[in-house]
Amino acid sequence: MTDYLIAGRPILVHAPSNSYLVRYAKENNFAEIVDRENIADLQAAIRRLLADPAHAHQLMVNAQRTFFAHHTVEKNVAMFRALFSDQLQSR
């Protein structure tokens, strides 16, 4: 997911409404979301991304903000180290 967040392209999430990805995208407003199996909804989402450049641009800005807020290498290394130090201490 992180590659998509930083790519500078609009993101379309087509996944069940109870999935983590849909919840995360909604919380951070970084993607056009279709959370139902409905072709008309999917078509409308694609059309909106193509026809509304300002909306698509805002989603891209939000995606990059989300990346830098939560997914930089430094933050991932810190979380990884914390995870393993917790694992080692619990043994």
C-alpha atoms as a PDB file:
ATOM      1  CA  MET A   1       0.000   0.000   0.000  1.00  0.00           C
ATOM      2  CA  THR A   2       2.809   2.401   0.783  1.00  0.00           C
ATOM      3  CA  ASP A   3       4.000   2.368  -2.831  1.00  0.00           C
ATOM      4  CA  TYR A   4       0.569   3.541  -3.916  1.00  0.00           C
ATOM      5  CA  LEU A   5       0.410   6.268  -1.268  1.00  0.00           C
ATOM      6  CA  ILE A   6       3.606   7.892  -2.478  1.00  0.00           C
ATOM      7  CA  ALA A   7       3.140   7.263  -6.229  1.00  0.00           C
ATOM      8  CA  GLY A   8       1.458  10.593  -7.003  1.00  0.00           C
ATOM      9  CA  ARG A   9      -1.507   8.954  -8.710  1.00  0.00           C
ATOM     10  CA  PRO A  10      -5.136   8.760  -7.627  1.00  0.00           C
ATOM     11  CA  ILE A  11      -6.021   5.604  -5.738  1.00  0.00           C
ATOM     12  CA  LEU A  12      -9.196   3.593  -6.180  1.00  0.00           C
ATOM     13  CA  VAL A  13      -9.979   1.141  -3.390  1.00  0.00           C
ATOM     14  CA  HIS A  14     -12.489  -1.562  -4.280  1.00  0.00           C
ATOM     15  CA  ALA A  15     -12.852  -3.712  -1.174  1.00  0.00           C
ATOM     16  CA  PRO A  16     -15.462  -4.769   1.381  1.00  0.00           C
ATOM     17  CA  SER A  17     -16.669  -2.025   3.714  1.00  0.00           C
ATOM     18  CA  ASN A  18     -15.408  -3.882   6.792  1.00  0.00           C
ATOM     19  CA  SER A  19     -11.858  -4.253   5.483  1.00  0.00           C
ATOM     20  CA  TYR A  20      -8.946  -2.483   7.129  1.00  0.00           C
ATOM     21  CA  LEU A  21      -8.010  -0.848   3.822  1.00  0.00           C
ATOM     22  CA  VAL A  22     -11.411   0.804   3.406  1.00  0.00           C
ATOM     23  CA  ARG A  23     -11.394   2.039   7.002  1.00  0.00           C
ATOM     24  CA  TYR A  24      -7.829   3.379   6.640  1.00  0.00           C
ATOM     25  CA  ALA A  25      -8.613   5.097   3.331  1.00  0.00           C
ATOM     26  CA  LYS A  26     -11.744   6.702   4.789  1.00  0.00           C
ATOM     27  CA  GLU A  27      -9.912   7.893   7.918  1.00  0.00           C
ATOM     28  CA  ASN A  28      -7.222   9.540   5.813  1.00  0.00           C
ATOM     29  CA  ASN A  29      -9.306  10.434   2.735  1.00  0.00           C
ATOM     30  CA  PHE A  30      -6.652   9.244   0.290  1.00  0.00           C
ATOM     31  CA  ALA A  31      -8.700   7.161  -2.137  1.00  0.00           C
ATOM     32  CA  GLU A  32     -11.900   6.957  -4.074  1.00  0.00           C
ATOM     33  CA  ILE A  33     -13.672   4.081  -2.346  1.00  0.00           C
ATOM     34  CA  VAL A  34     -16.110   1.512  -3.687  1.00  0.00           C
ATOM     35  CA  ASP A  35     -17.026  -0.817  -0.864  1.00  0.00           C
ATOM     36  CA  ARG A  36     -19.832  -2.754  -2.512  1.00  0.00           C
ATOM     37  CA  GLU A  37     -19.917  -5.244  -5.367  1.00  0.00           C
ATOM     38  CA  ASN A  38     -21.693  -2.921  -7.739  1.00  0.00           C
ATOM     39  CA  ILE A  39     -20.518  -2.224 -11.281  1.00  0.00           C
ATOM     40  CA  ALA A  40     -22.384   1.090 -11.454  1.00  0.00           C
ATOM     41  CA  ASP A  41     -20.631   2.316  -8.287  1.00  0.00           C
ATOM     42  CA  LEU A  42     -17.270   1.238  -9.681  1.00  0.00           C
ATOM     43  CA  GLN A  43     -17.940   3.003 -12.982  1.00  0.00           C
ATOM     44  CA  ALA A  44     -19.022   6.166 -11.175  1.00  0.00           C
ATOM     45  CA  ALA A  45     -15.865   6.156  -9.053  1.00  0.00           C
ATOM     46  CA  ILE A  46     -13.624   5.796 -12.092  1.00  0.00           C
ATOM     47  CA  ARG A  47     -15.515   8.546 -13.897  1.00  0.00           C
ATOM     48  CA  ARG A  48     -15.178  10.862 -10.910  1.00  0.00           C
ATOM     49  CA  LEU A  49     -11.424  10.344 -10.781  1.00  0.00           C
ATOM     50  CA  LEU A  50     -11.159  11.099 -14.495  1.00  0.00           C
ATOM     51  CA  ALA A  51     -13.646  13.985 -14.655  1.00  0.00           C
ATOM     52  CA  ASP A  52     -12.747  15.827 -11.446  1.00  0.00           C
ATOM     53  CA  PRO A  53      -9.026  16.592 -11.491  1.00  0.00           C
ATOM     54  CA  ALA A  54      -9.250  18.741  -8.361  1.00  0.00           C
ATOM     55  CA  HIS A  55     -10.743  15.829  -6.406  1.00  0.00           C
ATOM     56  CA  ALA A  56      -8.148  13.406  -7.778  1.00  0.00           C
ATOM     57  CA  HIS A  57      -5.372  15.847  -6.885  1.00  0.00           C
ATOM     58  CA  GLN A  58      -6.658  16.247  -3.327  1.00  0.00           C
ATOM     59  CA  LEU A  59      -6.728  12.469  -2.891  1.00  0.00           C
ATOM     60  CA  MET A  60      -3.112  12.318  -4.083  1.00  0.00           C
ATOM     61  CA  VAL A  61      -2.076  15.056  -1.642  1.00  0.00           C
ATOM     62  CA  ASN A  62      -3.849  13.226   1.181  1.00  0.00           C
ATOM     63  CA  ALA A  63      -2.176   9.950   0.182  1.00  0.00           C
ATOM     64  CA  GLN A  64       1.271  11.500   0.343  1.00  0.00           C
ATOM     65  CA  ARG A  65       0.465  13.119   3.699  1.00  0.00           C
ATOM     66  CA  THR A  66      -0.647   9.727   4.979  1.00  0.00           C
ATOM     67  CA  PHE A  67       2.594   8.169   3.765  1.00  0.00           C
ATOM     68  CA  PHE A  68       4.797  10.727   5.510  1.00  0.00           C
ATOM     69  CA  ALA A  69       2.688  10.641   8.677  1.00  0.00           C
ATOM     70  CA  HIS A  70       2.700   6.859   9.064  1.00  0.00           C
ATOM     71  CA  HIS A  71       4.989   5.009   6.669  1.00  0.00           C
ATOM     72  CA  THR A  72       8.441   6.510   6.398  1.00  0.00           C
ATOM     73  CA  VAL A  73      11.402   4.170   6.673  1.00  0.00           C
ATOM     74  CA  GLU A  74      12.353   5.663  10.020  1.00  0.00           C
ATOM     75  CA  LYS A  75       8.886   5.032  11.473  1.00  0.00           C
ATOM     76  CA  ASN A  76       8.781   1.496  10.104  1.00  0.00           C
ATOM     77  CA  VAL A  77      12.203   0.690  11.565  1.00  0.00           C
ATOM     78  CA  ALA A  78      11.145   2.036  14.956  1.00  0.00           C
ATOM     79  CA  MET A  79       7.940  -0.032  14.926  1.00  0.00           C
ATOM     80  CA  PHE A  80       9.853  -3.119  13.798  1.00  0.00           C
ATOM     81  CA  ARG A  81      12.415  -2.717  16.575  1.00  0.00           C
ATOM     82  CA  ALA A  82       9.700  -2.137  19.170  1.00  0.00           C
ATOM     83  CA  LEU A  83       7.868  -5.238  18.016  1.00  0.00           C
ATOM     84  CA  PHE A  84      10.947  -7.423  18.313  1.00  0.00           C
ATOM     85  CA  SER A  85      12.102  -5.940  21.593  1.00  0.00           C
ATOM     86  CA  ASP A  86       8.632  -6.667  23.032  1.00  0.00           C
ATOM     87  CA  GLN A  87       8.851 -10.209  21.674  1.00  0.00           C
ATOM     88  CA  LEU A  88      12.282 -10.800  23.194  1.00  0.00           C
ATOM     89  CA  GLN A  89      11.304  -9.365  26.577  1.00  0.00           C
ATOM     90  CA  SER A  90       8.237 -11.592  26.822  1.00  0.00           C
ATOM     91  CA  ARG A  91      10.359 -14.783  26.540  1.00  0.00           C
END
